[in-house]
Amino acid sequence: MLLKTQAATEIAQFLAHHPTPEQIVAFHPSSLVAERAYELIQADRDGLLTEEERKELDSYLVIEYLMGLIKLEAHRQLRQLAS
């Protein structure tokens, strides 16, 4: 479960530093996380995921969804500040 652990660690470390809304919007996972996610998505499309890889991908997708919600809120805050 490298992807889930690495992605969660990166996000936790990022959020622990109290990022600004601009920094949140600009956040991207490391190349290690992005490459592993791509590999799992490709394997899923090809129907080649093992059960363990399925769990790894599902966990990552939950983490990615939550980060998307955080980014959405950061965008909302930036719009409020601009008006």
N, C-alpha and C. Protein backbone atom coordinates (compact mmCIF):
# COMPACT_ATOMS: atom_id res chain seq x y z
N MET A 1 0.83 -1.20 0.00
CA MET A 1 0.00 0.00 0.00
C MET A 1 0.87 1.26 0.00
N LEU A 2 1.90 1.23 -0.76
CA LEU A 2 2.81 2.36 -0.86
C LEU A 2 2.08 3.64 -1.23
N LEU A 3 1.20 3.57 -2.22
CA LEU A 3 0.55 4.77 -2.73
C LEU A 3 -0.30 5.44 -1.65
N LYS A 4 -1.14 4.66 -0.97
CA LYS A 4 -1.99 5.22 0.07
C LYS A 4 -1.15 5.87 1.16
N THR A 5 -0.16 5.18 1.63
CA THR A 5 0.68 5.69 2.71
C THR A 5 1.46 6.92 2.28
N GLN A 6 2.07 6.87 1.11
CA GLN A 6 2.87 8.00 0.62
C GLN A 6 1.99 9.21 0.37
N ALA A 7 0.85 9.02 -0.28
CA ALA A 7 -0.05 10.14 -0.58
C ALA A 7 -0.56 10.77 0.70
N ALA A 8 -0.99 9.96 1.65
CA ALA A 8 -1.50 10.48 2.91
C ALA A 8 -0.42 11.22 3.68
N THR A 9 0.79 10.69 3.68
CA THR A 9 1.90 11.35 4.37
C THR A 9 2.21 12.70 3.75
N GLU A 10 2.27 12.75 2.42
CA GLU A 10 2.56 14.02 1.74
C GLU A 10 1.50 15.07 2.06
N ILE A 11 0.24 14.68 2.03
CA ILE A 11 -0.83 15.64 2.31
C ILE A 11 -0.81 16.07 3.77
N ALA A 12 -0.59 15.13 4.68
CA ALA A 12 -0.54 15.48 6.10
C ALA A 12 0.60 16.45 6.38
N GLN A 13 1.76 16.20 5.80
CA GLN A 13 2.90 17.10 6.01
C GLN A 13 2.61 18.48 5.42
N PHE A 14 2.00 18.50 4.26
CA PHE A 14 1.65 19.77 3.60
C PHE A 14 0.66 20.55 4.47
N LEU A 15 -0.40 19.92 4.92
CA LEU A 15 -1.43 20.61 5.70
C LEU A 15 -0.93 21.01 7.09
N ALA A 16 0.03 20.28 7.63
CA ALA A 16 0.58 20.60 8.95
C ALA A 16 1.31 21.94 8.96
N HIS A 17 1.71 22.41 7.78
CA HIS A 17 2.41 23.69 7.69
C HIS A 17 1.46 24.86 7.45
N HIS A 18 0.16 24.63 7.64
CA HIS A 18 -0.86 25.68 7.53
C HIS A 18 -0.74 26.46 6.21
N PRO A 19 -0.93 25.77 5.10
CA PRO A 19 -0.78 26.44 3.81
C PRO A 19 -1.86 27.48 3.57
N THR A 20 -1.54 28.46 2.76
CA THR A 20 -2.51 29.47 2.35
C THR A 20 -3.45 28.85 1.32
N PRO A 21 -4.60 29.48 1.07
CA PRO A 21 -5.48 28.97 0.01
C PRO A 21 -4.76 28.85 -1.34
N GLU A 22 -3.89 29.80 -1.64
CA GLU A 22 -3.14 29.74 -2.90
C GLU A 22 -2.25 28.51 -2.96
N GLN A 23 -1.60 28.21 -1.85
CA GLN A 23 -0.72 27.04 -1.80
C GLN A 23 -1.53 25.74 -1.91
N ILE A 24 -2.70 25.73 -1.31
CA ILE A 24 -3.56 24.54 -1.39
C ILE A 24 -3.97 24.29 -2.84
N VAL A 25 -4.40 25.34 -3.50
CA VAL A 25 -4.82 25.21 -4.90
C VAL A 25 -3.67 24.71 -5.77
N ALA A 26 -2.46 25.14 -5.47
CA ALA A 26 -1.29 24.77 -6.28
C ALA A 26 -0.71 23.40 -5.93
N PHE A 27 -1.18 22.78 -4.85
CA PHE A 27 -0.61 21.51 -4.40
C PHE A 27 -0.79 20.41 -5.43
N HIS A 28 0.28 19.64 -5.64
CA HIS A 28 0.24 18.45 -6.49
C HIS A 28 1.02 17.35 -5.78
N PRO A 29 0.62 16.10 -5.95
CA PRO A 29 1.38 15.02 -5.34
C PRO A 29 2.76 14.90 -5.98
N SER A 30 3.64 14.23 -5.28
CA SER A 30 4.99 14.01 -5.81
C SER A 30 4.93 13.16 -7.07
N SER A 31 6.02 13.17 -7.82
CA SER A 31 6.07 12.35 -9.03
C SER A 31 5.97 10.86 -8.68
N LEU A 32 6.49 10.46 -7.53
CA LEU A 32 6.38 9.07 -7.10
C LEU A 32 4.92 8.66 -6.96
N VAL A 33 4.13 9.49 -6.29
CA VAL A 33 2.71 9.20 -6.09
C VAL A 33 1.97 9.25 -7.43
N ALA A 34 2.23 10.27 -8.22
CA ALA A 34 1.54 10.42 -9.51
C ALA A 34 1.84 9.24 -10.44
N GLU A 35 3.09 8.81 -10.47
CA GLU A 35 3.47 7.68 -11.34
C GLU A 35 2.82 6.38 -10.89
N ARG A 36 2.78 6.15 -9.57
CA ARG A 36 2.15 4.92 -9.07
C ARG A 36 0.65 4.95 -9.35
N ALA A 37 0.02 6.09 -9.14
CA ALA A 37 -1.41 6.21 -9.43
C ALA A 37 -1.68 5.91 -10.90
N TYR A 38 -0.85 6.44 -11.78
CA TYR A 38 -1.00 6.21 -13.22
C TYR A 38 -0.87 4.72 -13.53
N GLU A 39 0.12 4.06 -12.93
CA GLU A 39 0.31 2.62 -13.15
C GLU A 39 -0.92 1.84 -12.73
N LEU A 40 -1.47 2.18 -11.57
CA LEU A 40 -2.64 1.45 -11.07
C LEU A 40 -3.87 1.71 -11.94
N ILE A 41 -4.04 2.94 -12.38
CA ILE A 41 -5.18 3.28 -13.24
C ILE A 41 -5.06 2.53 -14.57
N GLN A 42 -3.87 2.48 -15.13
CA GLN A 42 -3.66 1.74 -16.38
C GLN A 42 -3.95 0.25 -16.19
N ALA A 43 -3.46 -0.32 -15.10
CA ALA A 43 -3.71 -1.74 -14.82
C ALA A 43 -5.20 -1.99 -14.64
N ASP A 44 -5.89 -1.05 -14.00
CA ASP A 44 -7.34 -1.18 -13.82
C ASP A 44 -8.04 -1.17 -15.17
N ARG A 45 -7.65 -0.25 -16.03
CA ARG A 45 -8.26 -0.18 -17.38
C ARG A 45 -8.03 -1.46 -18.16
N ASP A 46 -6.88 -2.07 -17.94
CA ASP A 46 -6.54 -3.31 -18.65
C ASP A 46 -7.09 -4.55 -17.95
N GLY A 47 -7.74 -4.36 -16.80
CA GLY A 47 -8.30 -5.48 -16.06
C GLY A 47 -7.25 -6.35 -15.39
N LEU A 48 -6.11 -5.75 -15.02
CA LEU A 48 -4.99 -6.52 -14.49
C LEU A 48 -4.69 -6.26 -13.01
N LEU A 49 -5.55 -5.54 -12.31
CA LEU A 49 -5.28 -5.23 -10.90
C LEU A 49 -5.44 -6.45 -10.02
N THR A 50 -4.51 -6.63 -9.10
CA THR A 50 -4.68 -7.64 -8.06
C THR A 50 -5.62 -7.07 -7.01
N GLU A 51 -6.07 -7.89 -6.10
CA GLU A 51 -6.95 -7.42 -5.03
C GLU A 51 -6.24 -6.37 -4.17
N GLU A 52 -4.97 -6.61 -3.89
CA GLU A 52 -4.20 -5.65 -3.09
C GLU A 52 -4.05 -4.32 -3.83
N GLU A 53 -3.79 -4.38 -5.12
CA GLU A 53 -3.68 -3.16 -5.92
C GLU A 53 -5.02 -2.42 -5.99
N ARG A 54 -6.12 -3.17 -6.05
CA ARG A 54 -7.45 -2.56 -6.05
C ARG A 54 -7.66 -1.76 -4.77
N LYS A 55 -7.29 -2.34 -3.64
CA LYS A 55 -7.40 -1.65 -2.35
C LYS A 55 -6.52 -0.41 -2.33
N GLU A 56 -5.32 -0.54 -2.86
CA GLU A 56 -4.38 0.58 -2.91
C GLU A 56 -4.97 1.72 -3.75
N LEU A 57 -5.50 1.39 -4.92
CA LEU A 57 -6.08 2.40 -5.79
C LEU A 57 -7.32 3.02 -5.15
N ASP A 58 -8.19 2.21 -4.58
CA ASP A 58 -9.40 2.73 -3.94
C ASP A 58 -9.05 3.69 -2.81
N SER A 59 -8.07 3.34 -2.00
CA SER A 59 -7.65 4.21 -0.91
C SER A 59 -7.10 5.52 -1.44
N TYR A 60 -6.30 5.43 -2.49
CA TYR A 60 -5.75 6.65 -3.09
C TYR A 60 -6.87 7.54 -3.63
N LEU A 61 -7.86 6.95 -4.26
CA LEU A 61 -8.96 7.73 -4.82
C LEU A 61 -9.75 8.46 -3.73
N VAL A 62 -9.89 7.85 -2.57
CA VAL A 62 -10.54 8.53 -1.44
C VAL A 62 -9.70 9.72 -1.00
N ILE A 63 -8.40 9.52 -0.88
CA ILE A 63 -7.50 10.61 -0.49
C ILE A 63 -7.55 11.73 -1.52
N GLU A 64 -7.53 11.38 -2.79
CA GLU A 64 -7.58 12.37 -3.87
C GLU A 64 -8.91 13.13 -3.85
N TYR A 65 -10.00 12.43 -3.56
CA TYR A 65 -11.31 13.07 -3.47
C TYR A 65 -11.32 14.09 -2.33
N LEU A 66 -10.81 13.71 -1.18
CA LEU A 66 -10.77 14.64 -0.04
C LEU A 66 -9.91 15.86 -0.34
N MET A 67 -8.78 15.65 -1.00
CA MET A 67 -7.93 16.78 -1.36
C MET A 67 -8.65 17.67 -2.37
N GLY A 68 -9.43 17.09 -3.24
CA GLY A 68 -10.24 17.87 -4.17
C GLY A 68 -11.24 18.75 -3.45
N LEU A 69 -11.86 18.23 -2.40
CA LEU A 69 -12.80 19.03 -1.60
C LEU A 69 -12.07 20.18 -0.90
N ILE A 70 -10.89 19.90 -0.39
CA ILE A 70 -10.10 20.95 0.26
C ILE A 70 -9.73 22.03 -0.75
N LYS A 71 -9.35 21.64 -1.95
CA LYS A 71 -9.01 22.62 -2.99
C LYS A 71 -10.24 23.43 -3.39
N LEU A 72 -11.38 22.79 -3.45
CA LEU A 72 -12.62 23.50 -3.78
C LEU A 72 -12.91 24.59 -2.75
N GLU A 73 -12.74 24.26 -1.49
CA GLU A 73 -12.94 25.25 -0.42
C GLU A 73 -11.92 26.37 -0.52
N ALA A 74 -10.69 26.04 -0.84
CA ALA A 74 -9.65 27.07 -1.00
C ALA A 74 -10.00 28.01 -2.15
N HIS A 75 -10.51 27.47 -3.24
CA HIS A 75 -10.96 28.31 -4.36
C HIS A 75 -12.08 29.25 -3.91
N ARG A 76 -13.01 28.71 -3.14
CA ARG A 76 -14.13 29.52 -2.63
C ARG A 76 -13.61 30.67 -1.77
N GLN A 77 -12.66 30.38 -0.91
CA GLN A 77 -12.09 31.43 -0.06
C GLN A 77 -11.39 32.50 -0.89
N LEU A 78 -10.68 32.08 -1.92
CA LEU A 78 -9.99 33.04 -2.78
C LEU A 78 -10.98 33.93 -3.52
N ARG A 79 -12.08 33.36 -3.97
CA ARG A 79 -13.11 34.17 -4.64
C ARG A 79 -13.71 35.18 -3.68
N GLN A 80 -13.94 34.77 -2.44
CA GLN A 80 -14.50 35.70 -1.44
C GLN A 80 -13.53 36.84 -1.16
N LEU A 81 -12.26 36.53 -1.07
CA LEU A 81 -11.26 37.57 -0.81
C LEU A 81 -11.15 38.54 -1.98
N ALA A 82 -11.37 38.05 -3.18
CA ALA A 82 -11.25 38.89 -4.38
C ALA A 82 -12.45 39.82 -4.57
N SER A 83 -13.57 39.49 -3.94
CA SER A 83 -14.77 40.33 -4.15
C SER A 83 -14.99 41.35 -3.07
